[in-house]
Amino acid sequence: MLRHVVLFQFSCPADDPRVAAAASALRALPAEIAEIRALAFGPNRAPDAGAWTHVLQVDLDDLAALGRYAAHPAHERVVREHLAPIRAGRLVADYDVTA
């Protein structure tokens, strides 16, 4: 299994309605994208999180599934309509999860 992790920095406060809308849109993706095995999104609770205020974690079968997820129209729509307008920065990591 592959774990896709994205740390976000938003250009608006965490309580901005646009952040809540982005969260709802992200959490709806598993119903639209079959490659998603699990998805979680929420505020970064690390005391030393710095500017990285929110975290997205998506579990997929492998790198090929990640590619299909990234290119899926539903994912592209969420990025375009909800994330890009408020995203000030992002940091991405993908790694294999072993049992």
N, C-alpha and C. Protein backbone atom coordinates (compact mmCIF):
# COMPACT_ATOMS: atom_id res chain seq x y z
N MET A 1 0.84 -1.17 0.00
CA MET A 1 0.00 0.00 0.00
C MET A 1 0.89 1.24 0.00
N LEU A 2 0.41 2.27 -0.65
CA LEU A 2 1.12 3.54 -0.73
C LEU A 2 0.34 4.58 0.07
N ARG A 3 1.05 5.35 0.88
CA ARG A 3 0.43 6.44 1.63
C ARG A 3 0.90 7.76 1.03
N HIS A 4 -0.07 8.58 0.66
CA HIS A 4 0.15 9.90 0.07
C HIS A 4 -0.19 10.93 1.14
N VAL A 5 0.78 11.73 1.56
CA VAL A 5 0.59 12.70 2.62
C VAL A 5 0.90 14.09 2.08
N VAL A 6 -0.02 15.02 2.34
CA VAL A 6 0.16 16.40 1.89
C VAL A 6 -0.03 17.32 3.09
N LEU A 7 0.96 18.15 3.36
CA LEU A 7 0.84 19.20 4.37
C LEU A 7 0.49 20.49 3.66
N PHE A 8 -0.50 21.20 4.18
CA PHE A 8 -0.96 22.43 3.55
C PHE A 8 -0.69 23.65 4.42
N GLN A 9 -0.42 24.74 3.75
CA GLN A 9 -0.41 26.07 4.35
C GLN A 9 -1.45 26.85 3.57
N PHE A 10 -2.44 27.41 4.27
CA PHE A 10 -3.48 28.17 3.59
C PHE A 10 -3.25 29.67 3.76
N SER A 11 -3.76 30.43 2.80
CA SER A 11 -3.60 31.88 2.81
C SER A 11 -4.71 32.56 3.61
N CYS A 12 -5.54 31.78 4.26
CA CYS A 12 -6.64 32.32 5.06
C CYS A 12 -6.62 31.62 6.42
N PRO A 13 -7.32 32.18 7.40
CA PRO A 13 -7.36 31.54 8.72
C PRO A 13 -8.00 30.16 8.66
N ALA A 14 -7.65 29.31 9.60
CA ALA A 14 -8.16 27.94 9.64
C ALA A 14 -9.67 27.88 9.79
N ASP A 15 -10.27 28.92 10.39
CA ASP A 15 -11.72 28.92 10.58
C ASP A 15 -12.47 29.58 9.41
N ASP A 16 -11.76 29.89 8.34
CA ASP A 16 -12.39 30.46 7.14
C ASP A 16 -13.32 29.42 6.52
N PRO A 17 -14.51 29.82 6.08
CA PRO A 17 -15.44 28.87 5.47
C PRO A 17 -14.87 28.14 4.25
N ARG A 18 -13.90 28.74 3.58
CA ARG A 18 -13.30 28.08 2.42
C ARG A 18 -12.50 26.84 2.83
N VAL A 19 -11.91 26.86 4.01
CA VAL A 19 -11.19 25.69 4.51
C VAL A 19 -12.19 24.57 4.81
N ALA A 20 -13.31 24.92 5.41
CA ALA A 20 -14.35 23.92 5.69
C ALA A 20 -14.91 23.33 4.39
N ALA A 21 -15.09 24.17 3.37
CA ALA A 21 -15.58 23.68 2.08
C ALA A 21 -14.56 22.75 1.43
N ALA A 22 -13.28 23.09 1.54
CA ALA A 22 -12.23 22.22 0.99
C ALA A 22 -12.22 20.88 1.72
N ALA A 23 -12.37 20.92 3.04
CA ALA A 23 -12.41 19.68 3.82
C ALA A 23 -13.56 18.79 3.39
N SER A 24 -14.73 19.37 3.22
CA SER A 24 -15.90 18.59 2.78
C SER A 24 -15.68 18.00 1.40
N ALA A 25 -15.12 18.79 0.50
CA ALA A 25 -14.87 18.30 -0.86
C ALA A 25 -13.85 17.17 -0.86
N LEU A 26 -12.78 17.31 -0.07
CA LEU A 26 -11.78 16.24 0.00
C LEU A 26 -12.38 14.97 0.59
N ARG A 27 -13.14 15.11 1.65
CA ARG A 27 -13.72 13.93 2.31
C ARG A 27 -14.75 13.21 1.45
N ALA A 28 -15.26 13.88 0.43
CA ALA A 28 -16.22 13.26 -0.49
C ALA A 28 -15.53 12.46 -1.60
N LEU A 29 -14.23 12.64 -1.78
CA LEU A 29 -13.52 12.00 -2.89
C LEU A 29 -13.58 10.47 -2.89
N PRO A 30 -13.52 9.78 -1.74
CA PRO A 30 -13.57 8.31 -1.81
C PRO A 30 -14.83 7.77 -2.49
N ALA A 31 -15.92 8.51 -2.45
CA ALA A 31 -17.15 8.07 -3.12
C ALA A 31 -17.05 8.21 -4.63
N GLU A 32 -16.10 9.02 -5.10
CA GLU A 32 -15.96 9.28 -6.53
C GLU A 32 -14.75 8.61 -7.17
N ILE A 33 -13.74 8.30 -6.36
CA ILE A 33 -12.48 7.77 -6.90
C ILE A 33 -12.22 6.40 -6.29
N ALA A 34 -12.38 5.38 -7.10
CA ALA A 34 -12.29 3.99 -6.62
C ALA A 34 -10.90 3.64 -6.08
N GLU A 35 -9.86 4.31 -6.55
CA GLU A 35 -8.49 3.99 -6.12
C GLU A 35 -8.23 4.32 -4.65
N ILE A 36 -9.03 5.20 -4.07
CA ILE A 36 -8.81 5.61 -2.68
C ILE A 36 -9.25 4.49 -1.74
N ARG A 37 -8.31 4.00 -0.92
CA ARG A 37 -8.61 2.98 0.09
C ARG A 37 -9.02 3.63 1.41
N ALA A 38 -8.42 4.78 1.72
CA ALA A 38 -8.76 5.54 2.92
C ALA A 38 -8.31 6.97 2.70
N LEU A 39 -9.05 7.91 3.30
CA LEU A 39 -8.70 9.32 3.19
C LEU A 39 -9.02 10.00 4.51
N ALA A 40 -8.09 10.83 4.97
CA ALA A 40 -8.30 11.63 6.17
C ALA A 40 -7.76 13.03 5.91
N PHE A 41 -8.46 14.03 6.44
CA PHE A 41 -8.02 15.42 6.31
C PHE A 41 -8.40 16.14 7.59
N GLY A 42 -7.47 16.94 8.10
CA GLY A 42 -7.79 17.71 9.29
C GLY A 42 -6.66 18.64 9.68
N PRO A 43 -6.89 19.40 10.75
CA PRO A 43 -5.87 20.33 11.22
C PRO A 43 -4.66 19.59 11.77
N ASN A 44 -3.51 20.17 11.57
CA ASN A 44 -2.26 19.63 12.10
C ASN A 44 -2.19 19.99 13.58
N ARG A 45 -2.17 18.99 14.44
CA ARG A 45 -2.16 19.21 15.89
C ARG A 45 -0.76 19.20 16.49
N ALA A 46 0.26 19.04 15.66
CA ALA A 46 1.64 19.04 16.18
C ALA A 46 1.95 20.41 16.78
N PRO A 47 2.52 20.45 17.98
CA PRO A 47 2.81 21.74 18.61
C PRO A 47 3.85 22.56 17.85
N ASP A 48 4.68 21.91 17.06
CA ASP A 48 5.70 22.63 16.30
C ASP A 48 5.40 22.58 14.80
N ALA A 49 4.13 22.61 14.44
CA ALA A 49 3.71 22.45 13.04
C ALA A 49 4.15 23.61 12.16
N GLY A 50 4.43 24.75 12.74
CA GLY A 50 4.82 25.90 11.93
C GLY A 50 3.68 26.34 11.05
N ALA A 51 3.99 26.57 9.78
CA ALA A 51 2.99 27.07 8.84
C ALA A 51 2.09 25.98 8.29
N TRP A 52 2.44 24.71 8.49
CA TRP A 52 1.68 23.60 7.91
C TRP A 52 0.46 23.33 8.79
N THR A 53 -0.65 23.95 8.45
CA THR A 53 -1.82 23.94 9.33
C THR A 53 -2.75 22.75 9.14
N HIS A 54 -2.71 22.10 7.98
CA HIS A 54 -3.63 21.00 7.69
C HIS A 54 -2.90 19.84 7.02
N VAL A 55 -3.44 18.64 7.21
CA VAL A 55 -2.81 17.43 6.68
C VAL A 55 -3.86 16.61 5.93
N LEU A 56 -3.46 16.12 4.75
CA LEU A 56 -4.26 15.17 3.98
C LEU A 56 -3.48 13.87 3.91
N GLN A 57 -4.16 12.76 4.19
CA GLN A 57 -3.55 11.44 4.05
C GLN A 57 -4.47 10.59 3.20
N VAL A 58 -3.91 10.02 2.13
CA VAL A 58 -4.68 9.16 1.23
C VAL A 58 -3.92 7.84 1.08
N ASP A 59 -4.61 6.73 1.31
CA ASP A 59 -4.03 5.41 1.11
C ASP A 59 -4.52 4.84 -0.22
N LEU A 60 -3.57 4.34 -1.02
CA LEU A 60 -3.85 3.77 -2.33
C LEU A 60 -3.06 2.48 -2.48
N ASP A 61 -3.39 1.69 -3.49
CA ASP A 61 -2.70 0.41 -3.66
C ASP A 61 -1.23 0.56 -4.04
N ASP A 62 -0.92 1.49 -4.94
CA ASP A 62 0.45 1.60 -5.46
C ASP A 62 0.62 2.92 -6.21
N LEU A 63 1.81 3.12 -6.79
CA LEU A 63 2.08 4.36 -7.53
C LEU A 63 1.17 4.54 -8.73
N ALA A 64 0.80 3.45 -9.40
CA ALA A 64 -0.11 3.55 -10.53
C ALA A 64 -1.47 4.09 -10.08
N ALA A 65 -1.94 3.61 -8.93
CA ALA A 65 -3.21 4.10 -8.38
C ALA A 65 -3.10 5.57 -8.00
N LEU A 66 -1.95 5.98 -7.48
CA LEU A 66 -1.73 7.39 -7.17
C LEU A 66 -1.84 8.23 -8.43
N GLY A 67 -1.26 7.77 -9.52
CA GLY A 67 -1.35 8.50 -10.78
C GLY A 67 -2.78 8.64 -11.26
N ARG A 68 -3.56 7.57 -11.15
CA ARG A 68 -4.97 7.64 -11.55
C ARG A 68 -5.76 8.58 -10.65
N TYR A 69 -5.48 8.53 -9.36
CA TYR A 69 -6.12 9.44 -8.39
C TYR A 69 -5.81 10.89 -8.75
N ALA A 70 -4.54 11.18 -8.98
CA ALA A 70 -4.13 12.55 -9.27
C ALA A 70 -4.76 13.09 -10.55
N ALA A 71 -4.93 12.22 -11.54
CA ALA A 71 -5.48 12.64 -12.83
C ALA A 71 -7.00 12.56 -12.89
N HIS A 72 -7.63 12.04 -11.86
CA HIS A 72 -9.08 11.87 -11.87
C HIS A 72 -9.77 13.24 -11.91
N PRO A 73 -10.81 13.39 -12.72
CA PRO A 73 -11.51 14.68 -12.80
C PRO A 73 -12.04 15.19 -11.46
N ALA A 74 -12.47 14.31 -10.58
CA ALA A 74 -12.97 14.75 -9.27
C ALA A 74 -11.84 15.35 -8.44
N HIS A 75 -10.66 14.73 -8.46
CA HIS A 75 -9.51 15.27 -7.74
C HIS A 75 -9.09 16.61 -8.34
N GLU A 76 -9.02 16.67 -9.66
CA GLU A 76 -8.64 17.92 -10.32
C GLU A 76 -9.62 19.03 -10.01
N ARG A 77 -10.91 18.71 -9.92
CA ARG A 77 -11.94 19.70 -9.59
C ARG A 77 -11.74 20.24 -8.17
N VAL A 78 -11.49 19.35 -7.21
CA VAL A 78 -11.29 19.79 -5.82
C VAL A 78 -10.06 20.69 -5.72
N VAL A 79 -9.00 20.31 -6.39
CA VAL A 79 -7.79 21.15 -6.38
C VAL A 79 -8.10 22.51 -6.99
N ARG A 80 -8.71 22.52 -8.15
CA ARG A 80 -8.98 23.77 -8.88
C ARG A 80 -9.96 24.68 -8.13
N GLU A 81 -11.06 24.10 -7.63
CA GLU A 81 -12.12 24.91 -7.05
C GLU A 81 -11.94 25.22 -5.57
N HIS A 82 -11.27 24.34 -4.84
CA HIS A 82 -11.22 24.51 -3.38
C HIS A 82 -9.82 24.74 -2.83
N LEU A 83 -8.83 24.03 -3.34
CA LEU A 83 -7.49 24.12 -2.75
C LEU A 83 -6.64 25.23 -3.36
N ALA A 84 -6.56 25.28 -4.67
CA ALA A 84 -5.69 26.27 -5.32
C ALA A 84 -6.00 27.71 -4.90
N PRO A 85 -7.27 28.10 -4.77
CA PRO A 85 -7.54 29.50 -4.40
C PRO A 85 -7.06 29.90 -3.01
N ILE A 86 -6.87 28.94 -2.11
CA ILE A 86 -6.47 29.29 -0.73
C ILE A 86 -5.12 28.71 -0.33
N ARG A 87 -4.49 27.97 -1.22
CA ARG A 87 -3.23 27.30 -0.88
C ARG A 87 -2.06 28.27 -1.00
N ALA A 88 -1.35 28.44 0.10
CA ALA A 88 -0.13 29.25 0.10
C ALA A 88 1.10 28.38 -0.03
N GLY A 89 0.96 27.11 0.32
CA GLY A 89 2.08 26.19 0.21
C GLY A 89 1.63 24.77 0.46
N ARG A 90 2.45 23.83 0.00
CA ARG A 90 2.16 22.42 0.25
C ARG A 90 3.46 21.65 0.22
N LEU A 91 3.46 20.56 0.96
CA LEU A 91 4.60 19.65 1.03
C LEU A 91 4.04 18.25 0.89
N VAL A 92 4.59 17.47 -0.04
CA VAL A 92 4.04 16.15 -0.37
C VAL A 92 5.07 15.07 -0.08
N ALA A 93 4.59 13.95 0.47
CA ALA A 93 5.42 12.76 0.65
C ALA A 93 4.57 11.54 0.31
N ASP A 94 5.18 10.59 -0.38
CA ASP A 94 4.54 9.33 -0.72
C ASP A 94 5.47 8.22 -0.26
N TYR A 95 4.94 7.25 0.48
CA TYR A 95 5.79 6.16 0.95
C TYR A 95 5.00 4.86 1.02
N ASP A 96 5.73 3.76 0.95
CA ASP A 96 5.13 2.44 1.04
C ASP A 96 4.86 2.11 2.49
N VAL A 97 3.67 1.58 2.74
CA VAL A 97 3.28 1.15 4.07
C VAL A 97 3.38 -0.37 4.10
N THR A 98 4.13 -0.88 5.05
CA THR A 98 4.27 -2.33 5.18
C THR A 98 3.57 -2.79 6.45
N ALA A 99 3.11 -4.02 6.42
CA ALA A 99 2.39 -4.56 7.59
C ALA A 99 3.34 -4.86 8.72
